Protein backbone atom coordinates (compact mmCIF):
# COMPACT_ATOMS: atom_id res chain seq x y z
CA UNK A 1 87.88 0.43 68.74
CA UNK A 2 90.84 0.03 66.91
CA UNK A 3 91.68 2.27 63.67
CA UNK A 4 88.84 0.76 61.21
CA UNK A 5 91.47 1.29 58.36
CA UNK A 6 94.14 -1.23 59.38
CA UNK A 7 95.15 -4.35 61.22
CA UNK A 8 97.48 -3.17 63.91
CA UNK A 9 100.96 -5.02 63.91
CA UNK A 10 101.14 -7.90 66.42
CA UNK A 11 104.18 -9.80 67.44
CA UNK A 12 105.16 -12.83 69.34
CA UNK A 13 108.23 -14.53 70.18
CA UNK A 14 108.13 -16.28 66.51
CA UNK A 15 105.58 -14.57 64.78
CA UNK A 16 104.48 -11.30 62.98
CA UNK A 17 101.04 -10.25 62.34
CA UNK A 18 100.36 -7.78 60.38
CA UNK A 19 97.78 -6.60 57.81
CA UNK A 20 96.72 -8.71 54.63
CA UNK A 21 98.30 -7.27 51.38
CA UNK A 22 97.52 -7.73 47.88
CA UNK A 23 100.91 -9.49 47.13
CA UNK A 24 99.81 -12.12 49.76
CA UNK A 25 97.31 -13.49 47.51
CA UNK A 26 99.20 -16.24 45.75
CA UNK A 27 100.71 -17.65 49.34
CA UNK A 28 96.91 -17.46 50.93
CA UNK A 29 95.34 -19.47 47.68
CA UNK A 30 98.37 -21.85 48.00
CA UNK A 31 97.33 -22.44 51.39
CA UNK A 32 93.80 -23.23 50.53
CA UNK A 33 94.84 -25.75 47.96
CA UNK A 34 96.26 -27.83 51.03
CA UNK A 35 94.16 -30.86 52.11
CA UNK A 36 94.97 -30.56 55.58
CA UNK A 37 94.01 -26.77 55.49
CA UNK A 38 90.68 -27.08 53.69
CA UNK A 39 89.51 -30.30 54.72
CA UNK A 40 87.86 -29.17 57.99
CA UNK A 41 87.12 -25.72 57.11
CA UNK A 42 85.82 -25.79 53.55
CA UNK A 43 85.61 -29.37 52.83
CA UNK A 44 87.12 -28.89 49.36
CA UNK A 45 89.90 -26.60 47.94
CA UNK A 46 89.27 -22.78 47.43
CA UNK A 47 88.76 -21.48 43.84
CA UNK A 48 90.92 -18.33 43.43
CA UNK A 49 87.72 -16.32 43.30
CA UNK A 50 86.99 -17.38 46.64
CA UNK A 51 90.52 -16.80 48.00
CA UNK A 52 90.32 -13.22 46.37
CA UNK A 53 86.60 -12.59 48.09
CA UNK A 54 88.42 -13.76 51.23
CA UNK A 55 91.34 -11.39 50.99
CA UNK A 56 88.83 -8.62 50.39
CA UNK A 57 86.53 -9.48 53.11
CA UNK A 58 89.16 -9.85 55.71
CA UNK A 59 90.73 -6.57 54.92
CA UNK A 60 86.79 -4.98 54.42
CA UNK A 61 86.27 -5.71 58.11
CA UNK A 62 88.65 -3.92 59.35
CA UNK A 63 87.27 -0.71 57.42
CA UNK A 64 83.55 -1.67 58.38
CA UNK A 65 84.07 -3.14 62.05
CA UNK A 66 87.39 -2.26 63.34
CA UNK A 67 88.67 -6.07 63.43
CA UNK A 68 89.24 -8.62 60.88
CA UNK A 69 92.09 -11.00 60.26
CA UNK A 70 96.09 -10.58 60.24
CA UNK A 71 98.51 -12.14 57.99
CA UNK A 72 100.87 -14.53 60.03
CA UNK A 73 104.32 -14.47 59.20
CA UNK A 74 106.95 -16.59 60.79
CA UNK A 75 109.85 -14.09 62.01
CA UNK A 76 112.84 -16.39 61.08
CA UNK A 77 111.87 -16.89 57.62
CA UNK A 78 109.65 -13.81 56.92
CA UNK A 79 107.52 -16.78 55.36
CA UNK A 80 103.83 -16.15 55.39
CA UNK A 81 102.41 -19.28 57.10
CA UNK A 82 98.88 -18.37 57.55
CA UNK A 83 95.96 -15.94 58.55
CA UNK A 84 94.04 -15.56 61.72
CA UNK A 85 91.47 -12.91 63.16
CA UNK A 86 88.01 -11.92 64.13
CA UNK A 87 85.46 -11.66 61.74
CA UNK A 88 81.37 -11.45 61.41
CA UNK A 89 80.08 -13.58 58.71
CA UNK A 90 76.00 -13.15 59.61
CA UNK A 91 76.00 -17.08 59.39
CA UNK A 92 72.40 -18.83 59.03
CA UNK A 93 73.48 -20.74 62.48
CA UNK A 94 71.64 -21.33 65.47
CA UNK A 95 72.26 -19.81 68.34
CA UNK A 96 72.78 -16.68 66.17
CA UNK A 97 76.69 -15.13 66.12
CA UNK A 98 75.65 -11.90 64.65
CA UNK A 99 77.30 -9.36 66.43
CA UNK A 100 79.45 -11.67 68.15
CA UNK A 101 83.29 -11.70 66.81
CA UNK A 102 84.13 -15.04 65.41
CA UNK A 103 87.68 -16.03 66.13
CA UNK A 104 89.26 -18.12 63.01
CA UNK A 105 92.50 -19.29 61.73
CA UNK A 106 94.29 -21.55 58.90
CA UNK A 107 98.19 -22.37 59.00
CA UNK A 108 99.80 -23.98 56.06
CA UNK A 109 100.49 -27.86 56.63
CA UNK A 110 104.26 -27.18 57.05
CA UNK A 111 103.69 -24.98 60.33
CA UNK A 112 101.35 -27.53 62.12
CA UNK A 113 102.31 -28.94 65.18
CA UNK A 114 104.92 -26.08 66.14
CA UNK A 115 102.65 -24.24 68.76
CA UNK A 116 102.20 -21.36 66.10
CA UNK A 117 98.56 -21.50 66.24
CA UNK A 118 98.28 -21.15 70.06
CA UNK A 119 101.16 -18.31 69.91
CA UNK A 120 99.26 -16.40 67.55
CA UNK A 121 95.84 -16.87 68.64
CA UNK A 122 96.83 -15.97 72.20
CA UNK A 123 97.80 -12.48 70.52
CA UNK A 124 94.82 -12.18 68.71
CA UNK A 125 92.80 -12.80 71.59
CA UNK A 126 94.31 -10.61 74.08
CA UNK A 127 94.13 -7.80 71.45
CA UNK A 128 90.17 -8.54 71.51
CA UNK A 129 90.08 -8.60 75.10
CA UNK A 130 91.48 -4.84 74.90
CA UNK A 131 89.47 -3.68 72.04
CA UNK A 132 85.99 -5.18 72.03
CA UNK A 133 83.08 -4.10 73.97
CA UNK A 134 80.99 -7.59 73.99
CA UNK A 135 80.43 -10.15 76.35
CA UNK A 136 82.13 -12.84 74.67
CA UNK A 137 83.73 -13.76 71.46
CA UNK A 138 83.08 -17.17 69.42
CA UNK A 139 84.72 -20.06 67.19
CA UNK A 140 83.04 -22.85 65.35
CA UNK A 141 85.07 -26.01 64.74
CA UNK A 142 84.03 -29.26 63.06
CA UNK A 143 83.78 -31.97 65.58
CA UNK A 144 86.62 -33.89 63.54
CA UNK A 145 89.20 -31.27 63.90
CA UNK A 146 90.89 -32.21 67.14
CA UNK A 147 93.80 -30.21 66.66
CA UNK A 148 91.78 -26.83 66.50
CA UNK A 149 89.56 -28.02 69.30
CA UNK A 150 92.58 -28.19 71.41
CA UNK A 151 94.05 -24.96 70.49
CA UNK A 152 90.82 -23.20 71.09
CA UNK A 153 90.60 -24.75 74.52
CA UNK A 154 93.87 -23.63 75.29
CA UNK A 155 93.24 -20.08 74.76
CA UNK A 156 90.32 -20.19 76.94
CA UNK A 157 87.20 -21.27 74.44
CA UNK A 158 84.58 -23.56 76.00
CA UNK A 159 82.08 -25.72 74.42
CA UNK A 160 78.64 -23.98 74.45
CA UNK A 161 76.55 -25.72 71.83
CA UNK A 162 76.26 -27.97 68.97
CA UNK A 163 74.96 -27.04 65.86
CA UNK A 164 74.56 -27.86 62.25
CA UNK A 165 76.21 -25.32 59.67
CA UNK A 166 75.71 -25.74 55.88
CA UNK A 167 74.52 -29.11 56.60
CA UNK A 168 77.49 -30.51 58.75
CA UNK A 169 77.90 -30.78 62.45
CA UNK A 170 79.88 -28.19 64.13
CA UNK A 171 80.57 -27.07 67.65
CA UNK A 172 80.07 -23.26 68.80
CA UNK A 173 82.85 -22.36 71.22
CA UNK A 174 82.59 -19.29 73.35
CA UNK A 175 85.23 -17.07 75.32
CA UNK A 176 83.69 -14.64 77.98
């Protein structure tokens, strides 16, 4: 398993994935205020408190589990355009995902439709393939989030179950 203290740097042709930092907070919070970002994930804008909790949670995953989320930077501009990675949320969902690394991602609206999600998540998934000692990874996606469903399928996730999470329908995807 990876160093449990920090996210390893990953690079793709157009993206740099690095440890989330304290100075990323404002950009991340601005992202979670964008309706096209929060719409299928939270269903509402994130509060500053929730964004702060997420930043701490994602870095805490690295310390406790040896995996977590990366900040996603566009190489050409150096701009933070999102976050992606693996987490274990201990969700109250059936079937249980406890102990299964769960892939998640969010990118600012202006970066949608450019292939950044597929590019970055391919690198993240490859990292997971090299570092996890588990049979599969998972992701859950709202049935209405067709763009994220396409991305998940492109990187090898397959629909496994329909579920309800926090009163909303969701689809569980697994990648061996």
